[in-house]
Amino acid sequence: MQPKAKKLIFITILLTGCIITSLISTNDEAKTLPVSSLPQSAQGAVASKAAQAKTVRVQVSGAVLEPGIYDVPASCRVEEAIAAAGSLTENADSERVNLVRKVRDGMQIRVPVQKAARTSRTQRKNAQATAGYSASSTKKVGSTRAGTGKNNSAVQSVRINSASVSELQQLPGIGPALAQRIVETRNSGRFTSAEDLLRVPGIGKAKLAKLRNYVEVD
């Protein structure tokens, strides 16, 4: 074989090897493509999934149904954290809470009660304290029973089939909205027992247990 032909074969083999090596290198680069080299939309999707996988711990308290400590997605907002705590109570003042604020780890979310509800609750406490010192001078609604407090003070009971909205609010845990619901419910059918209060939206077994000693069915 001529030297020229040998040289030509050697060059051909060398070029083929270079091409194969280049193809292998390109394939490896494609497999290990970094996130920064992806299109912007793809980078956003990857970042979004990574954020969703993280959680933060927050404390939700105040006027919510189930106060406590919850682990929520790091990307969620205050309204979602409140939803995890059972949502707002009927006397919650949601106007004083920034529901669209993003949560952060260690954050305490406290939902205040409405001013009217706070005033009503204070008035009930004052009325009960007054009844304890001077039960004879306190206007009665229905009959009077012995209280279960430390001072065993007199606590008024309420006739749920005839009491007005304001009189119903003297019951523990009953605010203006819930008192109105009691009236609306009895208008569609009188209460025959304390258990009938479970027909009222917002009154469950736990609340009924607190009301049972203070209601009368007339």
C-alpha atoms as a PDB file:
ATOM      1  CA  MET A   1       0.000   0.000   0.000  1.00  0.00           C
ATOM      2  CA  GLN A   2       1.244   3.423  -0.905  1.00  0.00           C
ATOM      3  CA  PRO A   3       2.241   5.815   1.896  1.00  0.00           C
ATOM      4  CA  LYS A   4      -0.268   8.331   0.585  1.00  0.00           C
ATOM      5  CA  ALA A   5      -3.121   5.805   0.890  1.00  0.00           C
ATOM      6  CA  LYS A   6      -2.090   4.861   4.445  1.00  0.00           C
ATOM      7  CA  LYS A   7      -2.078   8.515   5.410  1.00  0.00           C
ATOM      8  CA  LEU A   8      -5.557   8.990   3.960  1.00  0.00           C
ATOM      9  CA  ILE A   9      -6.926   6.005   5.928  1.00  0.00           C
ATOM     10  CA  PHE A  10      -5.348   7.288   9.140  1.00  0.00           C
ATOM     11  CA  ILE A  11      -6.916  10.732   8.682  1.00  0.00           C
ATOM     12  CA  THR A  12     -10.328   9.123   7.993  1.00  0.00           C
ATOM     13  CA  ILE A  13     -10.143   7.030  11.178  1.00  0.00           C
ATOM     14  CA  LEU A  14      -9.080  10.075  13.214  1.00  0.00           C
ATOM     15  CA  LEU A  15     -11.981  12.183  11.940  1.00  0.00           C
ATOM     16  CA  THR A  16     -14.480   9.383  12.655  1.00  0.00           C
ATOM     17  CA  GLY A  17     -13.254   9.120  16.248  1.00  0.00           C
ATOM     18  CA  CYS A  18     -13.593  12.863  16.750  1.00  0.00           C
ATOM     19  CA  ILE A  19     -17.178  12.810  15.467  1.00  0.00           C
ATOM     20  CA  ILE A  20     -18.154   9.919  17.766  1.00  0.00           C
ATOM     21  CA  THR A  21     -16.556  11.630  20.784  1.00  0.00           C
ATOM     22  CA  SER A  22     -18.426  14.865  19.985  1.00  0.00           C
ATOM     23  CA  LEU A  23     -21.769  13.042  19.769  1.00  0.00           C
ATOM     24  CA  ILE A  24     -21.234  11.317  23.130  1.00  0.00           C
ATOM     25  CA  SER A  25     -20.287  14.613  24.809  1.00  0.00           C
ATOM     26  CA  THR A  26     -23.374  16.367  23.379  1.00  0.00           C
ATOM     27  CA  ASN A  27     -25.638  13.568  24.648  1.00  0.00           C
ATOM     28  CA  ASP A  28     -24.161  13.815  28.193  1.00  0.00           C
ATOM     29  CA  GLU A  29     -24.656  17.571  28.220  1.00  0.00           C
ATOM     30  CA  ALA A  30     -28.271  17.109  27.212  1.00  0.00           C
ATOM     31  CA  LYS A  31     -28.820  14.707  30.093  1.00  0.00           C
ATOM     32  CA  THR A  32     -27.298  17.063  32.693  1.00  0.00           C
ATOM     33  CA  LEU A  33     -28.824  20.254  31.347  1.00  0.00           C
ATOM     34  CA  PRO A  34     -28.863  22.732  34.275  1.00  0.00           C
ATOM     35  CA  VAL A  35     -32.089  24.506  35.259  1.00  0.00           C
ATOM     36  CA  SER A  36     -30.565  27.882  34.366  1.00  0.00           C
ATOM     37  CA  SER A  37     -30.283  26.822  30.713  1.00  0.00           C
ATOM     38  CA  LEU A  38     -34.001  25.919  30.496  1.00  0.00           C
ATOM     39  CA  PRO A  39     -36.519  28.349  28.939  1.00  0.00           C
ATOM     40  CA  GLN A  40     -37.936  30.903  31.380  1.00  0.00           C
ATOM     41  CA  SER A  41     -41.386  29.249  31.482  1.00  0.00           C
ATOM     42  CA  ALA A  42     -39.809  25.886  32.335  1.00  0.00           C
ATOM     43  CA  GLN A  43     -37.666  27.478  35.069  1.00  0.00           C
ATOM     44  CA  GLY A  44     -40.838  28.969  36.574  1.00  0.00           C
ATOM     45  CA  ALA A  45     -42.536  25.571  36.645  1.00  0.00           C
ATOM     46  CA  VAL A  46     -39.564  23.946  38.372  1.00  0.00           C
ATOM     47  CA  ALA A  47     -39.359  26.748  40.951  1.00  0.00           C
ATOM     48  CA  SER A  48     -43.121  26.557  41.579  1.00  0.00           C
ATOM     49  CA  LYS A  49     -42.999  22.815  42.275  1.00  0.00           C
ATOM     50  CA  ALA A  50     -40.054  23.293  44.631  1.00  0.00           C
ATOM     51  CA  ALA A  51     -41.919  26.025  46.543  1.00  0.00           C
ATOM     52  CA  GLN A  52     -45.061  23.910  46.856  1.00  0.00           C
ATOM     53  CA  ALA A  53     -43.049  21.063  48.348  1.00  0.00           C
ATOM     54  CA  LYS A  54     -41.982  23.275  51.295  1.00  0.00           C
ATOM     55  CA  THR A  55     -44.167  23.888  54.352  1.00  0.00           C
ATOM     56  CA  VAL A  56     -44.079  26.399  57.196  1.00  0.00           C
ATOM     57  CA  ARG A  57     -45.531  26.202  60.700  1.00  0.00           C
ATOM     58  CA  VAL A  58     -47.996  28.865  61.821  1.00  0.00           C
ATOM     59  CA  GLN A  59     -50.249  29.425  64.842  1.00  0.00           C
ATOM     60  CA  VAL A  60     -53.879  30.370  64.221  1.00  0.00           C
ATOM     61  CA  SER A  61     -55.835  31.744  67.195  1.00  0.00           C
ATOM     62  CA  GLY A  62     -58.746  33.988  68.094  1.00  0.00           C
ATOM     63  CA  ALA A  63     -62.140  33.792  66.377  1.00  0.00           C
ATOM     64  CA  VAL A  64     -61.601  30.524  64.479  1.00  0.00           C
ATOM     65  CA  LEU A  65     -63.352  27.199  64.970  1.00  0.00           C
ATOM     66  CA  GLU A  66     -60.232  25.124  65.679  1.00  0.00           C
ATOM     67  CA  PRO A  67     -57.335  27.271  67.005  1.00  0.00           C
ATOM     68  CA  GLY A  68     -53.943  25.591  66.977  1.00  0.00           C
ATOM     69  CA  ILE A  69     -50.597  25.103  65.236  1.00  0.00           C
ATOM     70  CA  TYR A  70     -50.656  24.044  61.577  1.00  0.00           C
ATOM     71  CA  ASP A  71     -48.167  23.098  58.869  1.00  0.00           C
ATOM     72  CA  VAL A  72     -49.204  24.820  55.634  1.00  0.00           C
ATOM     73  CA  PRO A  73     -47.587  25.262  52.190  1.00  0.00           C
ATOM     74  CA  ALA A  74     -44.988  28.008  52.171  1.00  0.00           C
ATOM     75  CA  SER A  75     -46.736  29.661  49.235  1.00  0.00           C
ATOM     76  CA  CYS A  76     -50.176  29.928  50.895  1.00  0.00           C
ATOM     77  CA  ARG A  77     -51.880  33.031  52.249  1.00  0.00           C
ATOM     78  CA  VAL A  78     -53.532  33.909  55.548  1.00  0.00           C
ATOM     79  CA  GLU A  79     -57.029  32.973  54.334  1.00  0.00           C
ATOM     80  CA  GLU A  80     -55.813  29.426  53.549  1.00  0.00           C
ATOM     81  CA  ALA A  81     -54.216  29.079  56.989  1.00  0.00           C
ATOM     82  CA  ILE A  82     -57.512  30.176  58.571  1.00  0.00           C
ATOM     83  CA  ALA A  83     -59.347  27.606  56.446  1.00  0.00           C
ATOM     84  CA  ALA A  84     -56.997  24.935  57.841  1.00  0.00           C
ATOM     85  CA  ALA A  85     -58.138  26.015  61.326  1.00  0.00           C
ATOM     86  CA  GLY A  86     -61.792  25.315  60.509  1.00  0.00           C
ATOM     87  CA  SER A  87     -62.591  28.796  59.108  1.00  0.00           C
ATOM     88  CA  LEU A  88     -63.917  31.873  60.930  1.00  0.00           C
ATOM     89  CA  THR A  89     -66.503  31.872  63.705  1.00  0.00           C
ATOM     90  CA  GLU A  90     -69.744  33.806  63.277  1.00  0.00           C
ATOM     91  CA  ASN A  91     -68.488  36.731  65.398  1.00  0.00           C
ATOM     92  CA  ALA A  92     -65.065  37.030  63.708  1.00  0.00           C
ATOM     93  CA  ASP A  93     -64.014  40.474  62.502  1.00  0.00           C
ATOM     94  CA  SER A  94     -62.450  39.532  59.155  1.00  0.00           C
ATOM     95  CA  GLU A  95     -62.135  43.201  58.160  1.00  0.00           C
ATOM     96  CA  ARG A  96     -59.257  43.569  60.638  1.00  0.00           C
ATOM     97  CA  VAL A  97     -57.240  40.695  59.134  1.00  0.00           C
ATOM     98  CA  ASN A  98     -55.195  40.862  55.922  1.00  0.00           C
ATOM     99  CA  LEU A  99     -56.470  37.645  54.352  1.00  0.00           C
ATOM    100  CA  VAL A 100     -54.267  37.910  51.230  1.00  0.00           C
ATOM    101  CA  ARG A 101     -50.992  38.286  53.126  1.00  0.00           C
ATOM    102  CA  LYS A 102     -48.498  35.477  52.494  1.00  0.00           C
ATOM    103  CA  VAL A 103     -47.639  33.371  55.518  1.00  0.00           C
ATOM    104  CA  ARG A 104     -44.140  32.855  56.883  1.00  0.00           C
ATOM    105  CA  ASP A 105     -42.631  30.313  59.239  1.00  0.00           C
ATOM    106  CA  GLY A 106     -43.345  31.031  62.901  1.00  0.00           C
ATOM    107  CA  MET A 107     -46.148  33.476  62.092  1.00  0.00           C
ATOM    108  CA  GLN A 108     -49.048  33.956  64.523  1.00  0.00           C
ATOM    109  CA  ILE A 109     -52.397  34.705  62.896  1.00  0.00           C
ATOM    110  CA  ARG A 110     -54.888  36.085  65.433  1.00  0.00           C
ATOM    111  CA  VAL A 111     -58.454  36.782  64.294  1.00  0.00           C
ATOM    112  CA  PRO A 112     -60.249  39.353  66.510  1.00  0.00           C
ATOM    113  CA  VAL A 113     -63.956  39.229  67.350  1.00  0.00           C
ATOM    114  CA  GLN A 114     -66.383  41.933  66.277  1.00  0.00           C
ATOM    115  CA  LYS A 115     -66.707  44.910  68.595  1.00  0.00           C
ATOM    116  CA  ALA A 116     -70.440  44.271  69.053  1.00  0.00           C
ATOM    117  CA  ALA A 117     -69.752  40.682  70.102  1.00  0.00           C
ATOM    118  CA  ARG A 118     -67.109  41.793  72.616  1.00  0.00           C
ATOM    119  CA  THR A 119     -69.519  44.357  74.064  1.00  0.00           C
ATOM    120  CA  SER A 120     -72.317  41.792  74.283  1.00  0.00           C
ATOM    121  CA  ARG A 121     -70.046  39.291  76.013  1.00  0.00           C
ATOM    122  CA  THR A 122     -68.947  41.917  78.537  1.00  0.00           C
ATOM    123  CA  GLN A 123     -72.558  42.868  79.212  1.00  0.00           C
ATOM    124  CA  ARG A 124     -73.474  39.231  79.845  1.00  0.00           C
ATOM    125  CA  LYS A 125     -70.597  38.843  82.303  1.00  0.00           C
ATOM    126  CA  ASN A 126     -71.619  42.025  84.112  1.00  0.00           C
ATOM    127  CA  ALA A 127     -75.240  40.865  84.219  1.00  0.00           C
ATOM    128  CA  GLN A 128     -74.229  37.513  85.693  1.00  0.00           C
ATOM    129  CA  ALA A 129     -72.016  39.208  88.290  1.00  0.00           C
ATOM    130  CA  THR A 130     -74.863  41.533  89.264  1.00  0.00           C
ATOM    131  CA  ALA A 131     -77.243  38.581  89.540  1.00  0.00           C
ATOM    132  CA  GLY A 132     -74.804  36.923  91.931  1.00  0.00           C
ATOM    133  CA  TYR A 133     -74.918  39.857  94.369  1.00  0.00           C
ATOM    134  CA  SER A 134     -78.534  40.862  93.966  1.00  0.00           C
ATOM    135  CA  ALA A 135     -80.593  38.109  92.347  1.00  0.00           C
ATOM    136  CA  SER A 136     -83.823  39.519  93.721  1.00  0.00           C
ATOM    137  CA  SER A 137     -83.426  42.829  91.869  1.00  0.00           C
ATOM    138  CA  THR A 138     -82.544  41.282  88.508  1.00  0.00           C
ATOM    139  CA  LYS A 139     -85.265  40.901  85.883  1.00  0.00           C
ATOM    140  CA  LYS A 140     -85.864  37.192  85.266  1.00  0.00           C
ATOM    141  CA  VAL A 141     -86.591  35.457  81.981  1.00  0.00           C
ATOM    142  CA  GLY A 142     -88.175  32.117  82.833  1.00  0.00           C
ATOM    143  CA  SER A 143     -86.987  30.535  86.072  1.00  0.00           C
ATOM    144  CA  THR A 144     -83.652  30.911  87.875  1.00  0.00           C
ATOM    145  CA  ARG A 145     -81.252  28.038  88.438  1.00  0.00           C
ATOM    146  CA  ALA A 146     -78.118  27.684  90.537  1.00  0.00           C
ATOM    147  CA  GLY A 147     -74.987  28.484  88.565  1.00  0.00           C
ATOM    148  CA  THR A 148     -72.017  26.224  88.200  1.00  0.00           C
ATOM    149  CA  GLY A 149     -69.380  28.951  88.725  1.00  0.00           C
ATOM    150  CA  LYS A 150     -66.956  29.191  91.603  1.00  0.00           C
ATOM    151  CA  ASN A 151     -69.343  31.482  93.532  1.00  0.00           C
ATOM    152  CA  ASN A 152     -72.420  29.344  92.731  1.00  0.00           C
ATOM    153  CA  SER A 153     -74.131  32.592  91.636  1.00  0.00           C
ATOM    154  CA  ALA A 154     -77.672  32.654  90.166  1.00  0.00           C
ATOM    155  CA  VAL A 155     -77.797  32.284  86.370  1.00  0.00           C
ATOM    156  CA  GLN A 156     -80.949  33.043  84.423  1.00  0.00           C
ATOM    157  CA  SER A 157     -82.557  30.411  82.231  1.00  0.00           C
ATOM    158  CA  VAL A 158     -84.296  31.343  78.993  1.00  0.00           C
ATOM    159  CA  ARG A 159     -87.504  30.041  77.483  1.00  0.00           C
ATOM    160  CA  ILE A 160     -86.341  29.376  73.958  1.00  0.00           C
ATOM    161  CA  ASN A 161     -89.821  29.318  72.388  1.00  0.00           C
ATOM    162  CA  SER A 162     -90.789  32.784  73.603  1.00  0.00           C
ATOM    163  CA  ALA A 163     -87.584  34.703  74.350  1.00  0.00           C
ATOM    164  CA  SER A 164     -86.646  37.676  72.175  1.00  0.00           C
ATOM    165  CA  VAL A 165     -83.377  38.011  70.279  1.00  0.00           C
ATOM    166  CA  SER A 166     -81.880  40.179  73.040  1.00  0.00           C
ATOM    167  CA  GLU A 167     -83.016  37.720  75.757  1.00  0.00           C
ATOM    168  CA  LEU A 168     -81.496  34.779  73.872  1.00  0.00           C
ATOM    169  CA  GLN A 169     -78.152  36.584  73.889  1.00  0.00           C
ATOM    170  CA  GLN A 170     -78.017  36.124  77.681  1.00  0.00           C
ATOM    171  CA  LEU A 171     -77.260  32.446  77.034  1.00  0.00           C
ATOM    172  CA  PRO A 172     -73.539  31.520  77.121  1.00  0.00           C
ATOM    173  CA  GLY A 173     -71.954  31.570  73.683  1.00  0.00           C
ATOM    174  CA  ILE A 174     -75.000  33.075  71.918  1.00  0.00           C
ATOM    175  CA  GLY A 175     -74.328  36.270  69.970  1.00  0.00           C
ATOM    176  CA  PRO A 176     -76.705  38.447  67.911  1.00  0.00           C
ATOM    177  CA  ALA A 177     -76.403  36.372  64.731  1.00  0.00           C
ATOM    178  CA  LEU A 178     -76.933  33.026  66.451  1.00  0.00           C
ATOM    179  CA  ALA A 179     -79.849  34.398  68.510  1.00  0.00           C
ATOM    180  CA  GLN A 180     -81.514  35.499  65.275  1.00  0.00           C
ATOM    181  CA  ARG A 181     -81.039  32.013  63.817  1.00  0.00           C
ATOM    182  CA  ILE A 182     -82.719  30.481  66.868  1.00  0.00           C
ATOM    183  CA  VAL A 183     -85.763  32.712  66.323  1.00  0.00           C
ATOM    184  CA  GLU A 184     -85.882  31.902  62.600  1.00  0.00           C
ATOM    185  CA  THR A 185     -85.618  28.164  63.296  1.00  0.00           C
ATOM    186  CA  ARG A 186     -88.418  28.118  65.890  1.00  0.00           C
ATOM    187  CA  ASN A 187     -90.640  30.079  63.476  1.00  0.00           C
ATOM    188  CA  SER A 188     -90.550  27.060  61.188  1.00  0.00           C
ATOM    189  CA  GLY A 189     -91.322  24.672  64.063  1.00  0.00           C
ATOM    190  CA  ARG A 190     -91.370  25.139  67.839  1.00  0.00           C
ATOM    191  CA  PHE A 191     -88.726  23.471  69.981  1.00  0.00           C
ATOM    192  CA  THR A 192     -90.009  20.475  71.902  1.00  0.00           C
ATOM    193  CA  SER A 193     -86.767  19.789  73.779  1.00  0.00           C
ATOM    194  CA  ALA A 194     -83.314  21.275  74.294  1.00  0.00           C
ATOM    195  CA  GLU A 195     -81.970  18.819  71.696  1.00  0.00           C
ATOM    196  CA  ASP A 196     -84.043  20.621  69.038  1.00  0.00           C
ATOM    197  CA  LEU A 197     -81.487  23.421  69.220  1.00  0.00           C
ATOM    198  CA  LEU A 198     -79.285  21.187  67.057  1.00  0.00           C
ATOM    199  CA  ARG A 199     -81.578  22.229  64.194  1.00  0.00           C
ATOM    200  CA  VAL A 200     -80.124  25.739  64.442  1.00  0.00           C
ATOM    201  CA  PRO A 201     -77.145  26.278  62.076  1.00  0.00           C
ATOM    202  CA  GLY A 202     -74.068  26.950  64.207  1.00  0.00           C
ATOM    203  CA  ILE A 203     -75.171  24.938  67.255  1.00  0.00           C
ATOM    204  CA  GLY A 204     -73.468  21.568  67.617  1.00  0.00           C
ATOM    205  CA  LYS A 205     -73.307  19.032  70.393  1.00  0.00           C
ATOM    206  CA  ALA A 206     -70.519  20.868  72.233  1.00  0.00           C
ATOM    207  CA  LYS A 207     -72.413  24.174  72.311  1.00  0.00           C
ATOM    208  CA  LEU A 208     -75.658  22.390  73.237  1.00  0.00           C
ATOM    209  CA  ALA A 209     -73.921  20.873  76.268  1.00  0.00           C
ATOM    210  CA  LYS A 210     -73.086  24.398  77.481  1.00  0.00           C
ATOM    211  CA  LEU A 211     -76.641  25.641  76.870  1.00  0.00           C
ATOM    212  CA  ARG A 212     -78.612  22.678  78.245  1.00  0.00           C
ATOM    213  CA  ASN A 213     -78.694  23.909  81.880  1.00  0.00           C
ATOM    214  CA  TYR A 214     -79.799  27.401  80.899  1.00  0.00           C
ATOM    215  CA  VAL A 215     -82.720  26.758  78.501  1.00  0.00           C
ATOM    216  CA  GLU A 216     -86.342  25.863  79.096  1.00  0.00           C
ATOM    217  CA  VAL A 217     -88.915  24.596  76.592  1.00  0.00           C
ATOM    218  CA  ASP A 218     -92.303  26.258  77.140  1.00  0.00           C
END
